[in-house]
Amino acid sequence: MPFVRISLLKTLAADAKDKISKAVHESLMAEFNVPLDDYFHVIEELEASQLYYPKNYLGITHSGNMVYVQITAGSGRTYQQKEKLYAAIAGKIAAETPVLINDVIITLVENGGKENWSFGEGKIQNLSHIKAAE
C-alpha cells in the first residue's frame, strides 16, 4: 500500500511519464511484494526552474533531467530489499525513458502502522489481507 509521489520536468513526454510510474510500481511489486492493485501515484510536473539539484553530488553527475521519487510505505523492509528496490526503479527508468540513471533520486518514508492510512470514506480500513511488512 505504498503512496508514490513523482516529481519531474513538465517537458517529458506523456509516454515517458507513464513508463516512469509503471517502472516504480513494477519495482515495488518485485522487491517489496506490493500487490498489483496497490497503485497510488501522483505525478507532479514542474518547470526546470522549480527543480534544484547540485551538478555533482557524492561523485554523481546530474544532467538536469531530474526525476524525484518519494515512496511512503510501511516499515519493516531490510537494507537489501531497499537497495534492490532503488536499483530496480532507477534501472527501469533509465532503460525505458530518456532519463539517465544518475538523474533518478529516490527517497523512502516509512510509515509505522496500518492505522496511519485511510483509503476512503474517512475510515481506517481493515487491512488484514496485507502482510505485516506492508
N, C-alpha and C. Protein backbone atom coordinates (compact mmCIF):
# COMPACT_ATOMS: atom_id res chain seq x y z
N MET A 1 0.80 -1.20 0.00
CA MET A 1 0.00 0.00 0.00
C MET A 1 0.84 1.26 0.00
N PRO A 2 1.92 1.25 -0.77
CA PRO A 2 2.72 2.46 -0.85
C PRO A 2 1.97 3.60 -1.54
N PHE A 3 2.34 4.80 -1.17
CA PHE A 3 1.89 6.00 -1.85
C PHE A 3 3.12 6.61 -2.48
N VAL A 4 3.06 6.92 -3.77
CA VAL A 4 4.23 7.38 -4.51
C VAL A 4 3.96 8.76 -5.10
N ARG A 5 4.89 9.67 -4.86
CA ARG A 5 4.86 11.00 -5.48
C ARG A 5 6.09 11.10 -6.38
N ILE A 6 5.85 11.39 -7.65
CA ILE A 6 6.92 11.51 -8.62
C ILE A 6 6.95 12.95 -9.12
N SER A 7 8.06 13.62 -8.92
CA SER A 7 8.24 14.99 -9.38
C SER A 7 9.23 14.97 -10.53
N LEU A 8 8.83 15.60 -11.65
CA LEU A 8 9.66 15.55 -12.85
C LEU A 8 9.39 16.77 -13.71
N LEU A 9 10.16 16.89 -14.77
CA LEU A 9 10.01 18.02 -15.69
C LEU A 9 8.72 17.92 -16.50
N LYS A 10 8.05 19.03 -16.60
CA LYS A 10 6.82 19.14 -17.37
C LYS A 10 7.06 18.77 -18.84
N THR A 11 8.27 19.00 -19.32
CA THR A 11 8.58 18.79 -20.74
C THR A 11 8.75 17.32 -21.13
N LEU A 12 8.81 16.43 -20.17
CA LEU A 12 8.90 15.00 -20.51
C LEU A 12 7.62 14.56 -21.23
N ALA A 13 7.75 13.71 -22.20
CA ALA A 13 6.60 13.21 -22.94
C ALA A 13 5.68 12.41 -22.03
N ALA A 14 4.39 12.43 -22.34
CA ALA A 14 3.39 11.70 -21.55
C ALA A 14 3.74 10.21 -21.47
N ASP A 15 4.23 9.65 -22.56
CA ASP A 15 4.61 8.24 -22.58
C ASP A 15 5.74 7.96 -21.59
N ALA A 16 6.70 8.86 -21.50
CA ALA A 16 7.81 8.69 -20.55
C ALA A 16 7.30 8.76 -19.11
N LYS A 17 6.38 9.68 -18.85
CA LYS A 17 5.80 9.81 -17.50
C LYS A 17 5.08 8.53 -17.11
N ASP A 18 4.33 7.97 -18.04
CA ASP A 18 3.63 6.71 -17.79
C ASP A 18 4.62 5.58 -17.52
N LYS A 19 5.68 5.51 -18.30
CA LYS A 19 6.70 4.48 -18.12
C LYS A 19 7.41 4.63 -16.77
N ILE A 20 7.63 5.86 -16.33
CA ILE A 20 8.27 6.09 -15.03
C ILE A 20 7.38 5.56 -13.92
N SER A 21 6.11 5.90 -13.96
CA SER A 21 5.17 5.42 -12.95
C SER A 21 5.11 3.89 -12.94
N LYS A 22 5.02 3.30 -14.11
CA LYS A 22 4.96 1.83 -14.20
C LYS A 22 6.26 1.20 -13.72
N ALA A 23 7.40 1.81 -14.02
CA ALA A 23 8.69 1.28 -13.55
C ALA A 23 8.74 1.26 -12.04
N VAL A 24 8.25 2.32 -11.41
CA VAL A 24 8.22 2.36 -9.94
C VAL A 24 7.31 1.27 -9.40
N HIS A 25 6.12 1.15 -9.97
CA HIS A 25 5.17 0.15 -9.44
C HIS A 25 5.66 -1.28 -9.68
N GLU A 26 6.18 -1.55 -10.85
CA GLU A 26 6.70 -2.90 -11.13
C GLU A 26 7.84 -3.24 -10.16
N SER A 27 8.68 -2.27 -9.87
CA SER A 27 9.78 -2.49 -8.93
C SER A 27 9.26 -2.74 -7.52
N LEU A 28 8.25 -1.98 -7.12
CA LEU A 28 7.65 -2.20 -5.79
C LEU A 28 7.03 -3.59 -5.69
N MET A 29 6.39 -4.05 -6.77
CA MET A 29 5.81 -5.39 -6.76
C MET A 29 6.91 -6.44 -6.63
N ALA A 30 7.98 -6.27 -7.39
CA ALA A 30 9.06 -7.26 -7.40
C ALA A 30 9.87 -7.27 -6.11
N GLU A 31 10.20 -6.11 -5.59
CA GLU A 31 11.14 -6.04 -4.46
C GLU A 31 10.47 -5.90 -3.09
N PHE A 32 9.26 -5.33 -3.04
CA PHE A 32 8.56 -5.16 -1.76
C PHE A 32 7.30 -6.02 -1.68
N ASN A 33 7.06 -6.86 -2.71
CA ASN A 33 5.89 -7.72 -2.74
C ASN A 33 4.58 -6.95 -2.63
N VAL A 34 4.52 -5.80 -3.27
CA VAL A 34 3.31 -4.98 -3.27
C VAL A 34 2.32 -5.57 -4.28
N PRO A 35 1.05 -5.72 -3.92
CA PRO A 35 0.05 -6.25 -4.85
C PRO A 35 -0.17 -5.33 -6.06
N LEU A 36 -0.59 -5.89 -7.17
CA LEU A 36 -0.82 -5.16 -8.41
C LEU A 36 -1.77 -3.98 -8.22
N ASP A 37 -2.85 -4.16 -7.46
CA ASP A 37 -3.85 -3.10 -7.35
C ASP A 37 -3.52 -2.05 -6.29
N ASP A 38 -2.40 -2.17 -5.61
CA ASP A 38 -1.95 -1.13 -4.67
C ASP A 38 -1.13 -0.09 -5.45
N TYR A 39 -1.82 0.63 -6.32
CA TYR A 39 -1.18 1.55 -7.26
C TYR A 39 -1.72 2.95 -7.00
N PHE A 40 -1.05 3.69 -6.10
CA PHE A 40 -1.43 5.04 -5.73
C PHE A 40 -0.26 5.97 -6.03
N HIS A 41 -0.31 6.65 -7.19
CA HIS A 41 0.78 7.52 -7.63
C HIS A 41 0.25 8.90 -7.96
N VAL A 42 1.06 9.91 -7.67
CA VAL A 42 0.80 11.28 -8.09
C VAL A 42 2.03 11.73 -8.87
N ILE A 43 1.80 12.23 -10.07
CA ILE A 43 2.91 12.78 -10.85
C ILE A 43 2.78 14.30 -10.82
N GLU A 44 3.82 14.92 -10.33
CA GLU A 44 3.88 16.38 -10.22
C GLU A 44 4.81 16.90 -11.32
N GLU A 45 4.25 17.68 -12.24
CA GLU A 45 5.02 18.23 -13.35
C GLU A 45 5.52 19.61 -12.99
N LEU A 46 6.82 19.82 -13.17
CA LEU A 46 7.45 21.07 -12.76
C LEU A 46 8.22 21.70 -13.91
N GLU A 47 8.36 23.02 -13.83
CA GLU A 47 9.24 23.75 -14.74
C GLU A 47 10.68 23.49 -14.30
N ALA A 48 11.62 23.62 -15.21
CA ALA A 48 13.03 23.41 -14.88
C ALA A 48 13.47 24.32 -13.74
N SER A 49 12.92 25.53 -13.70
CA SER A 49 13.30 26.48 -12.65
C SER A 49 12.81 26.07 -11.26
N GLN A 50 11.98 25.06 -11.18
CA GLN A 50 11.45 24.60 -9.90
C GLN A 50 12.21 23.39 -9.34
N LEU A 51 13.16 22.87 -10.08
CA LEU A 51 13.95 21.72 -9.64
C LEU A 51 15.35 22.18 -9.26
N TYR A 52 15.71 21.97 -8.04
CA TYR A 52 17.04 22.34 -7.55
C TYR A 52 17.84 21.07 -7.30
N TYR A 53 19.10 21.09 -7.70
CA TYR A 53 19.98 19.93 -7.54
C TYR A 53 21.41 20.38 -7.76
N PRO A 54 22.36 19.69 -7.18
CA PRO A 54 23.77 20.00 -7.48
C PRO A 54 24.18 19.30 -8.78
N LYS A 55 25.03 19.95 -9.52
CA LYS A 55 25.52 19.34 -10.78
C LYS A 55 26.33 18.08 -10.50
N ASN A 56 26.97 18.05 -9.33
CA ASN A 56 27.74 16.89 -8.93
C ASN A 56 27.58 16.71 -7.43
N TYR A 57 27.12 15.52 -7.02
CA TYR A 57 26.92 15.25 -5.60
C TYR A 57 27.37 13.82 -5.32
N LEU A 58 28.24 13.66 -4.35
CA LEU A 58 28.78 12.35 -3.97
C LEU A 58 29.41 11.63 -5.17
N GLY A 59 30.00 12.43 -6.07
CA GLY A 59 30.63 11.84 -7.25
C GLY A 59 29.65 11.47 -8.35
N ILE A 60 28.38 11.84 -8.20
CA ILE A 60 27.35 11.53 -9.20
C ILE A 60 27.02 12.82 -9.95
N THR A 61 27.20 12.80 -11.27
CA THR A 61 26.91 13.95 -12.10
C THR A 61 25.44 13.92 -12.52
N HIS A 62 24.75 15.07 -12.33
CA HIS A 62 23.34 15.18 -12.72
C HIS A 62 23.23 16.06 -13.97
N SER A 63 22.42 15.62 -14.92
CA SER A 63 22.28 16.34 -16.19
C SER A 63 21.21 17.42 -16.12
N GLY A 64 20.29 17.31 -15.20
CA GLY A 64 19.21 18.29 -15.09
C GLY A 64 17.85 17.74 -15.46
N ASN A 65 17.79 16.56 -16.05
CA ASN A 65 16.51 15.91 -16.38
C ASN A 65 16.08 15.07 -15.19
N MET A 66 15.91 15.73 -14.05
CA MET A 66 15.73 15.06 -12.78
C MET A 66 14.35 14.43 -12.63
N VAL A 67 14.34 13.29 -11.95
CA VAL A 67 13.10 12.63 -11.54
C VAL A 67 13.26 12.31 -10.06
N TYR A 68 12.38 12.90 -9.26
CA TYR A 68 12.37 12.65 -7.82
C TYR A 68 11.23 11.69 -7.51
N VAL A 69 11.54 10.58 -6.85
CA VAL A 69 10.54 9.58 -6.49
C VAL A 69 10.51 9.49 -4.98
N GLN A 70 9.37 9.84 -4.40
CA GLN A 70 9.20 9.73 -2.95
C GLN A 70 8.16 8.65 -2.69
N ILE A 71 8.56 7.63 -1.95
CA ILE A 71 7.69 6.50 -1.65
C ILE A 71 7.38 6.50 -0.16
N THR A 72 6.11 6.50 0.18
CA THR A 72 5.69 6.31 1.57
C THR A 72 5.15 4.89 1.66
N ALA A 73 5.75 4.09 2.53
CA ALA A 73 5.37 2.68 2.65
C ALA A 73 5.50 2.24 4.10
N GLY A 74 4.88 1.13 4.42
CA GLY A 74 5.01 0.57 5.75
C GLY A 74 6.45 0.20 6.06
N SER A 75 6.81 0.28 7.31
CA SER A 75 8.18 -0.06 7.72
C SER A 75 8.36 -1.57 7.78
N GLY A 76 9.62 -1.98 7.86
CA GLY A 76 9.91 -3.40 8.04
C GLY A 76 10.74 -4.03 6.94
N ARG A 77 11.08 -3.29 5.90
CA ARG A 77 11.92 -3.86 4.84
C ARG A 77 13.38 -3.83 5.26
N THR A 78 14.13 -4.76 4.73
CA THR A 78 15.56 -4.85 5.05
C THR A 78 16.36 -3.88 4.19
N TYR A 79 17.59 -3.66 4.59
CA TYR A 79 18.53 -2.85 3.83
C TYR A 79 18.64 -3.41 2.40
N GLN A 80 18.76 -4.73 2.28
CA GLN A 80 18.92 -5.37 0.97
C GLN A 80 17.68 -5.16 0.10
N GLN A 81 16.48 -5.24 0.67
CA GLN A 81 15.26 -5.01 -0.10
C GLN A 81 15.23 -3.58 -0.63
N LYS A 82 15.62 -2.64 0.20
CA LYS A 82 15.62 -1.23 -0.20
C LYS A 82 16.65 -1.00 -1.30
N GLU A 83 17.82 -1.58 -1.13
CA GLU A 83 18.89 -1.44 -2.13
C GLU A 83 18.44 -2.00 -3.48
N LYS A 84 17.78 -3.16 -3.47
CA LYS A 84 17.28 -3.76 -4.71
C LYS A 84 16.17 -2.91 -5.33
N LEU A 85 15.31 -2.35 -4.47
CA LEU A 85 14.23 -1.50 -4.97
C LEU A 85 14.79 -0.29 -5.70
N TYR A 86 15.72 0.41 -5.07
CA TYR A 86 16.29 1.62 -5.67
C TYR A 86 16.96 1.29 -7.01
N ALA A 87 17.71 0.20 -7.04
CA ALA A 87 18.39 -0.20 -8.28
C ALA A 87 17.39 -0.56 -9.37
N ALA A 88 16.33 -1.26 -9.00
CA ALA A 88 15.31 -1.65 -9.97
C ALA A 88 14.60 -0.42 -10.55
N ILE A 89 14.20 0.50 -9.67
CA ILE A 89 13.50 1.70 -10.14
C ILE A 89 14.39 2.51 -11.08
N ALA A 90 15.59 2.85 -10.63
CA ALA A 90 16.49 3.67 -11.45
C ALA A 90 16.86 2.97 -12.75
N GLY A 91 17.12 1.68 -12.68
CA GLY A 91 17.48 0.93 -13.88
C GLY A 91 16.37 0.87 -14.90
N LYS A 92 15.14 0.62 -14.44
CA LYS A 92 13.99 0.57 -15.36
C LYS A 92 13.72 1.93 -15.99
N ILE A 93 13.76 2.98 -15.17
CA ILE A 93 13.51 4.32 -15.71
C ILE A 93 14.55 4.65 -16.76
N ALA A 94 15.82 4.39 -16.48
CA ALA A 94 16.89 4.70 -17.43
C ALA A 94 16.78 3.86 -18.71
N ALA A 95 16.33 2.62 -18.58
CA ALA A 95 16.23 1.73 -19.74
C ALA A 95 15.03 2.07 -20.63
N GLU A 96 13.97 2.63 -20.04
CA GLU A 96 12.72 2.80 -20.79
C GLU A 96 12.36 4.24 -21.12
N THR A 97 13.16 5.20 -20.64
CA THR A 97 12.86 6.62 -20.87
C THR A 97 14.15 7.38 -21.20
N PRO A 98 14.05 8.65 -21.56
CA PRO A 98 15.27 9.44 -21.81
C PRO A 98 15.98 9.90 -20.54
N VAL A 99 15.48 9.54 -19.37
CA VAL A 99 16.07 9.95 -18.10
C VAL A 99 17.29 9.08 -17.79
N LEU A 100 18.40 9.72 -17.46
CA LEU A 100 19.62 8.99 -17.11
C LEU A 100 19.51 8.42 -15.70
N ILE A 101 20.18 7.31 -15.46
CA ILE A 101 20.15 6.66 -14.15
C ILE A 101 20.65 7.61 -13.05
N ASN A 102 21.60 8.48 -13.39
CA ASN A 102 22.14 9.44 -12.41
C ASN A 102 21.12 10.49 -12.00
N ASP A 103 20.08 10.68 -12.81
CA ASP A 103 19.09 11.73 -12.55
C ASP A 103 17.86 11.22 -11.81
N VAL A 104 17.89 9.99 -11.34
CA VAL A 104 16.77 9.44 -10.57
C VAL A 104 17.12 9.50 -9.09
N ILE A 105 16.39 10.32 -8.35
CA ILE A 105 16.59 10.48 -6.91
C ILE A 105 15.41 9.82 -6.22
N ILE A 106 15.68 8.93 -5.26
CA ILE A 106 14.62 8.17 -4.60
C ILE A 106 14.71 8.36 -3.09
N THR A 107 13.57 8.63 -2.47
CA THR A 107 13.50 8.65 -1.01
C THR A 107 12.39 7.71 -0.56
N LEU A 108 12.63 7.05 0.56
CA LEU A 108 11.64 6.16 1.15
C LEU A 108 11.28 6.69 2.52
N VAL A 109 9.99 6.95 2.71
CA VAL A 109 9.48 7.39 4.00
C VAL A 109 8.70 6.22 4.58
N GLU A 110 9.15 5.72 5.72
CA GLU A 110 8.49 4.57 6.32
C GLU A 110 7.40 5.03 7.29
N ASN A 111 6.24 4.42 7.12
CA ASN A 111 5.06 4.76 7.89
C ASN A 111 4.74 3.57 8.79
N GLY A 112 4.82 3.78 10.09
CA GLY A 112 4.77 2.71 11.08
C GLY A 112 3.61 1.74 11.08
N GLY A 113 2.38 2.19 10.99
CA GLY A 113 1.29 1.24 11.17
C GLY A 113 0.16 1.42 10.18
N LYS A 114 -0.64 0.37 10.04
CA LYS A 114 -1.77 0.40 9.12
C LYS A 114 -2.81 1.43 9.53
N GLU A 115 -2.82 1.81 10.81
CA GLU A 115 -3.77 2.82 11.27
C GLU A 115 -3.40 4.22 10.78
N ASN A 116 -2.26 4.36 10.14
CA ASN A 116 -1.81 5.64 9.60
C ASN A 116 -2.26 5.86 8.16
N TRP A 117 -3.14 5.00 7.65
CA TRP A 117 -3.62 5.09 6.28
C TRP A 117 -5.14 5.11 6.26
N SER A 118 -5.72 5.87 5.35
CA SER A 118 -7.15 5.80 5.05
C SER A 118 -7.27 5.82 3.54
N PHE A 119 -7.98 4.85 2.98
CA PHE A 119 -8.12 4.74 1.53
C PHE A 119 -9.52 5.14 1.07
N GLY A 120 -10.19 5.92 1.89
CA GLY A 120 -11.51 6.43 1.52
C GLY A 120 -12.49 6.32 2.67
N GLU A 121 -13.60 7.01 2.52
CA GLU A 121 -14.69 7.02 3.50
C GLU A 121 -14.29 7.63 4.83
N GLY A 122 -13.10 8.23 4.93
CA GLY A 122 -12.66 8.81 6.19
C GLY A 122 -12.49 7.78 7.29
N LYS A 123 -12.14 6.55 6.89
CA LYS A 123 -12.02 5.45 7.85
C LYS A 123 -10.66 4.78 7.75
N ILE A 124 -10.30 4.09 8.81
CA ILE A 124 -9.15 3.20 8.78
C ILE A 124 -9.69 1.86 8.29
N GLN A 125 -9.25 1.44 7.12
CA GLN A 125 -9.77 0.21 6.54
C GLN A 125 -9.17 -1.02 7.24
N ASN A 126 -9.89 -2.11 7.15
CA ASN A 126 -9.39 -3.39 7.64
C ASN A 126 -8.37 -3.88 6.61
N LEU A 127 -7.12 -3.85 6.98
CA LEU A 127 -6.05 -4.22 6.06
C LEU A 127 -5.42 -5.55 6.45
N SER A 128 -6.22 -6.44 7.01
CA SER A 128 -5.67 -7.71 7.47
C SER A 128 -5.15 -8.56 6.32
N HIS A 129 -5.58 -8.26 5.09
CA HIS A 129 -5.11 -9.02 3.92
C HIS A 129 -3.68 -8.61 3.51
N ILE A 130 -3.20 -7.51 4.05
CA ILE A 130 -1.85 -7.02 3.74
C ILE A 130 -0.87 -7.65 4.72
N LYS A 131 0.28 -8.11 4.19
CA LYS A 131 1.31 -8.71 5.06
C LYS A 131 1.79 -7.71 6.10
N ALA A 132 2.28 -8.20 7.20
CA ALA A 132 2.75 -7.36 8.30
C ALA A 132 3.80 -6.36 7.86
N ALA A 133 4.63 -6.70 6.87
CA ALA A 133 5.71 -5.81 6.44
C ALA A 133 5.22 -4.67 5.56
N GLU A 134 3.99 -4.74 5.06
CA GLU A 134 3.48 -3.69 4.17
C GLU A 134 3.33 -2.39 4.89
